[in-house]
Each structure stands twice: as C-alpha cells, then as structure tokens.
Amino acid sequence: MNEAKYQVIFYRAPNGKCQACDYARGMDINHRAKAKRCFQALAELGRDIPSDYGKYLRQGIWELRIIVAHHQHRFLYFFRDDIILVTNAFLKKSQAVPESELGEALKARAEWTWRLYREKL
C-alpha cells in the first residue's frame, strides 16, 4: 500500500458516542477486514477512490461502499483539508441512501465544524 494522503477520523458526538465505530465493531470479522482495506484505500486515494468503493452523494457528503456477499455496508464521510471525517454507518437495504442517514451526516459535520471553529478562537 502507498502512503496515506488523508487522515481518516471517526466522528465522536459531544457525549463521546461514535456511531460509526459502534457499527464497525458490530460487523462480522470478515466484513471488518474488508472495511479496513477500503478505509486504507480511501486514506491513500481520497476523492480519486474508484466509484465502486466511494461515491459522492450531495452537499459535500460521500459514501464508502463495502460490499461483502449480499451485505452492503455504507459509511458516510466528508473532506476537510487533509482529513476525512467518517460521520455514521448503516446497512443499506434500499436503492437510495436514507434521508435520515444523510441528515445525521450533515448534522455531525455541522457540529464538528463548529467545535473546530470554537477551538481556534
């Protein structure tokens, strides 16, 4: 593997909860292994990751696609300079990404950005 261009960080809510971390820990060991490889590729390639693995959704939110057998895991994330912040994850059961999941990603991005802004004051 090449050197990572991006730092992948998992979002933690102000209460310390990390939904994407909890989701990943609950995945089958083989699914987690594939997820790890996909995250390594994401860290190396960023926006240039093949569309089979990463896809732009809208409003700055992307999805990392991890498909193992008939399971379609999705991790939503966004870019901020050389950081990729993973906001939330879910098992995809329909064609479209649920609006509730996209809403969670947008809410997490807003909260994280506000927290970052306050730290710089």
C-alpha atoms as a PDB file:
ATOM      1  CA  MET A   1       0.000   0.000   0.000  1.00  0.00           C
ATOM      2  CA  ASN A   2       1.055   3.571  -0.650  1.00  0.00           C
ATOM      3  CA  GLU A   3       1.406   6.340   1.870  1.00  0.00           C
ATOM      4  CA  ALA A   4      -1.840   7.871   3.108  1.00  0.00           C
ATOM      5  CA  LYS A   5      -2.622  11.358   1.804  1.00  0.00           C
ATOM      6  CA  TYR A   6      -5.538  11.755   4.190  1.00  0.00           C
ATOM      7  CA  GLN A   7      -6.107  11.117   7.855  1.00  0.00           C
ATOM      8  CA  VAL A   8      -9.329   9.171   8.427  1.00  0.00           C
ATOM      9  CA  ILE A   9     -11.044  10.189  11.679  1.00  0.00           C
ATOM     10  CA  PHE A  10     -14.266   8.823  13.132  1.00  0.00           C
ATOM     11  CA  TYR A  11     -16.655  11.481  14.430  1.00  0.00           C
ATOM     12  CA  ARG A  12     -17.458  11.443  18.138  1.00  0.00           C
ATOM     13  CA  ALA A  13     -20.529  13.311  19.319  1.00  0.00           C
ATOM     14  CA  PRO A  14     -20.175  15.707  22.268  1.00  0.00           C
ATOM     15  CA  ASN A  15     -21.398  12.870  24.530  1.00  0.00           C
ATOM     16  CA  GLY A  16     -18.473  10.699  23.350  1.00  0.00           C
ATOM     17  CA  LYS A  17     -20.576   8.329  21.266  1.00  0.00           C
ATOM     18  CA  CYS A  18     -19.105   7.173  17.950  1.00  0.00           C
ATOM     19  CA  GLN A  19     -21.914   5.654  15.886  1.00  0.00           C
ATOM     20  CA  ALA A  20     -19.629   4.574  13.011  1.00  0.00           C
ATOM     21  CA  CYS A  21     -17.190   2.946  15.487  1.00  0.00           C
ATOM     22  CA  ASP A  22     -20.016   1.058  17.166  1.00  0.00           C
ATOM     23  CA  TYR A  23     -21.332  -0.068  13.790  1.00  0.00           C
ATOM     24  CA  ALA A  24     -17.878  -1.274  12.675  1.00  0.00           C
ATOM     25  CA  ARG A  25     -17.351  -3.184  15.921  1.00  0.00           C
ATOM     26  CA  GLY A  26     -20.656  -4.964  15.308  1.00  0.00           C
ATOM     27  CA  MET A  27     -19.655  -6.135  11.834  1.00  0.00           C
ATOM     28  CA  ASP A  28     -18.648  -9.740  11.147  1.00  0.00           C
ATOM     29  CA  ILE A  29     -14.852 -10.179  11.297  1.00  0.00           C
ATOM     30  CA  ASN A  30     -14.568 -10.766   7.525  1.00  0.00           C
ATOM     31  CA  HIS A  31     -16.667  -7.685   6.809  1.00  0.00           C
ATOM     32  CA  ARG A  32     -14.490  -5.650   9.197  1.00  0.00           C
ATOM     33  CA  ALA A  33     -11.353  -6.860   7.400  1.00  0.00           C
ATOM     34  CA  LYS A  34     -12.719  -5.662   4.062  1.00  0.00           C
ATOM     35  CA  ALA A  35     -13.788  -2.375   5.667  1.00  0.00           C
ATOM     36  CA  LYS A  36     -10.233  -1.863   6.925  1.00  0.00           C
ATOM     37  CA  ARG A  37      -8.853  -2.358   3.404  1.00  0.00           C
ATOM     38  CA  CYS A  38     -11.434   0.060   1.982  1.00  0.00           C
ATOM     39  CA  PHE A  39     -10.552   2.703   4.580  1.00  0.00           C
ATOM     40  CA  GLN A  40      -6.846   2.275   3.763  1.00  0.00           C
ATOM     41  CA  ALA A  41      -7.624   2.836   0.077  1.00  0.00           C
ATOM     42  CA  LEU A  42      -9.725   5.871   0.989  1.00  0.00           C
ATOM     43  CA  ALA A  43      -6.850   7.334   3.049  1.00  0.00           C
ATOM     44  CA  GLU A  44      -4.495   6.875   0.092  1.00  0.00           C
ATOM     45  CA  LEU A  45      -6.776   7.916  -2.762  1.00  0.00           C
ATOM     46  CA  GLY A  46      -9.300  10.319  -1.233  1.00  0.00           C
ATOM     47  CA  ARG A  47     -11.656  11.647  -3.899  1.00  0.00           C
ATOM     48  CA  ASP A  48      -9.880   9.510  -6.516  1.00  0.00           C
ATOM     49  CA  ILE A  49     -11.110   6.251  -4.982  1.00  0.00           C
ATOM     50  CA  PRO A  50     -12.874   4.112  -7.637  1.00  0.00           C
ATOM     51  CA  SER A  51     -16.638   4.649  -7.758  1.00  0.00           C
ATOM     52  CA  ASP A  52     -17.197   1.004  -6.795  1.00  0.00           C
ATOM     53  CA  TYR A  53     -15.910   1.990  -3.342  1.00  0.00           C
ATOM     54  CA  GLY A  54     -16.545   5.683  -2.857  1.00  0.00           C
ATOM     55  CA  LYS A  55     -19.296   7.840  -4.282  1.00  0.00           C
ATOM     56  CA  TYR A  56     -20.210  11.497  -3.901  1.00  0.00           C
ATOM     57  CA  LEU A  57     -23.796  11.850  -2.692  1.00  0.00           C
ATOM     58  CA  ARG A  58     -24.573  15.548  -2.237  1.00  0.00           C
ATOM     59  CA  GLN A  59     -23.908  18.593  -0.047  1.00  0.00           C
ATOM     60  CA  GLY A  60     -20.287  17.518   0.450  1.00  0.00           C
ATOM     61  CA  ILE A  61     -21.190  14.072   1.802  1.00  0.00           C
ATOM     62  CA  TRP A  62     -19.671  10.904   0.328  1.00  0.00           C
ATOM     63  CA  GLU A  63     -20.343   7.216   0.945  1.00  0.00           C
ATOM     64  CA  LEU A  64     -17.790   4.432   1.318  1.00  0.00           C
ATOM     65  CA  ARG A  65     -19.302   1.264  -0.111  1.00  0.00           C
ATOM     66  CA  ILE A  66     -18.297  -2.011   1.485  1.00  0.00           C
ATOM     67  CA  ILE A  67     -19.997  -4.972  -0.138  1.00  0.00           C
ATOM     68  CA  VAL A  68     -19.484  -8.478   1.212  1.00  0.00           C
ATOM     69  CA  ALA A  69     -21.725 -11.210  -0.198  1.00  0.00           C
ATOM     70  CA  HIS A  70     -25.233  -9.711  -0.024  1.00  0.00           C
ATOM     71  CA  HIS A  71     -24.399  -7.195   2.727  1.00  0.00           C
ATOM     72  CA  GLN A  72     -23.985  -3.580   1.644  1.00  0.00           C
ATOM     73  CA  HIS A  73     -22.353  -1.564   4.408  1.00  0.00           C
ATOM     74  CA  ARG A  74     -22.178   2.201   3.995  1.00  0.00           C
ATOM     75  CA  PHE A  75     -20.020   4.698   5.867  1.00  0.00           C
ATOM     76  CA  LEU A  76     -20.775   8.374   5.234  1.00  0.00           C
ATOM     77  CA  TYR A  77     -17.946  10.903   5.346  1.00  0.00           C
ATOM     78  CA  PHE A  78     -16.761  14.324   4.223  1.00  0.00           C
ATOM     79  CA  PHE A  79     -13.442  16.001   3.448  1.00  0.00           C
ATOM     80  CA  ARG A  80     -11.862  18.876   5.346  1.00  0.00           C
ATOM     81  CA  ASP A  81      -8.382  19.719   4.027  1.00  0.00           C
ATOM     82  CA  ASP A  82      -6.345  16.509   4.559  1.00  0.00           C
ATOM     83  CA  ILE A  83      -8.918  14.981   6.935  1.00  0.00           C
ATOM     84  CA  ILE A  84     -11.684  12.544   6.095  1.00  0.00           C
ATOM     85  CA  LEU A  85     -14.277  12.569   8.857  1.00  0.00           C
ATOM     86  CA  VAL A  86     -16.474   9.464   8.977  1.00  0.00           C
ATOM     87  CA  THR A  87     -19.805  10.503  10.463  1.00  0.00           C
ATOM     88  CA  ASN A  88     -22.098   7.481  10.511  1.00  0.00           C
ATOM     89  CA  ALA A  89     -22.667   3.999   9.095  1.00  0.00           C
ATOM     90  CA  PHE A  90     -25.530   1.690   8.249  1.00  0.00           C
ATOM     91  CA  LEU A  91     -26.503  -1.457   6.368  1.00  0.00           C
ATOM     92  CA  LYS A  92     -28.019  -0.396   3.067  1.00  0.00           C
ATOM     93  CA  LYS A  93     -31.371  -2.044   2.387  1.00  0.00           C
ATOM     94  CA  SER A  94     -32.766   0.063  -0.467  1.00  0.00           C
ATOM     95  CA  GLN A  95     -31.579   1.744  -3.656  1.00  0.00           C
ATOM     96  CA  ALA A  96     -31.249   5.230  -2.204  1.00  0.00           C
ATOM     97  CA  VAL A  97     -29.336   6.357   0.857  1.00  0.00           C
ATOM     98  CA  PRO A  98     -31.975   7.064   3.523  1.00  0.00           C
ATOM     99  CA  GLU A  99     -32.537  10.776   4.084  1.00  0.00           C
ATOM    100  CA  SER A 100     -32.262  10.170   7.834  1.00  0.00           C
ATOM    101  CA  GLU A 101     -28.687   8.874   7.393  1.00  0.00           C
ATOM    102  CA  LEU A 102     -27.739  11.811   5.183  1.00  0.00           C
ATOM    103  CA  GLY A 103     -29.293  14.136   7.762  1.00  0.00           C
ATOM    104  CA  GLU A 104     -27.174  12.556  10.505  1.00  0.00           C
ATOM    105  CA  ALA A 105     -24.030  13.089   8.427  1.00  0.00           C
ATOM    106  CA  LEU A 106     -24.882  16.743   7.799  1.00  0.00           C
ATOM    107  CA  LYS A 107     -25.681  17.305  11.470  1.00  0.00           C
ATOM    108  CA  ALA A 108     -22.387  15.684  12.536  1.00  0.00           C
ATOM    109  CA  ARG A 109     -20.439  17.788  10.026  1.00  0.00           C
ATOM    110  CA  ALA A 110     -22.036  20.992  11.316  1.00  0.00           C
ATOM    111  CA  GLU A 111     -21.342  20.099  14.954  1.00  0.00           C
ATOM    112  CA  TRP A 112     -17.734  19.029  14.249  1.00  0.00           C
ATOM    113  CA  THR A 113     -17.059  22.166  12.193  1.00  0.00           C
ATOM    114  CA  TRP A 114     -18.485  24.362  14.969  1.00  0.00           C
ATOM    115  CA  ARG A 115     -16.343  22.568  17.551  1.00  0.00           C
ATOM    116  CA  LEU A 116     -13.245  23.073  15.374  1.00  0.00           C
ATOM    117  CA  TYR A 117     -14.090  26.764  14.918  1.00  0.00           C
ATOM    118  CA  ARG A 118     -14.527  27.287  18.684  1.00  0.00           C
ATOM    119  CA  GLU A 119     -11.155  25.652  19.383  1.00  0.00           C
ATOM    120  CA  LYS A 120      -9.463  28.139  17.056  1.00  0.00           C
ATOM    121  CA  LEU A 121     -10.945  31.164  18.854  1.00  0.00           C
END
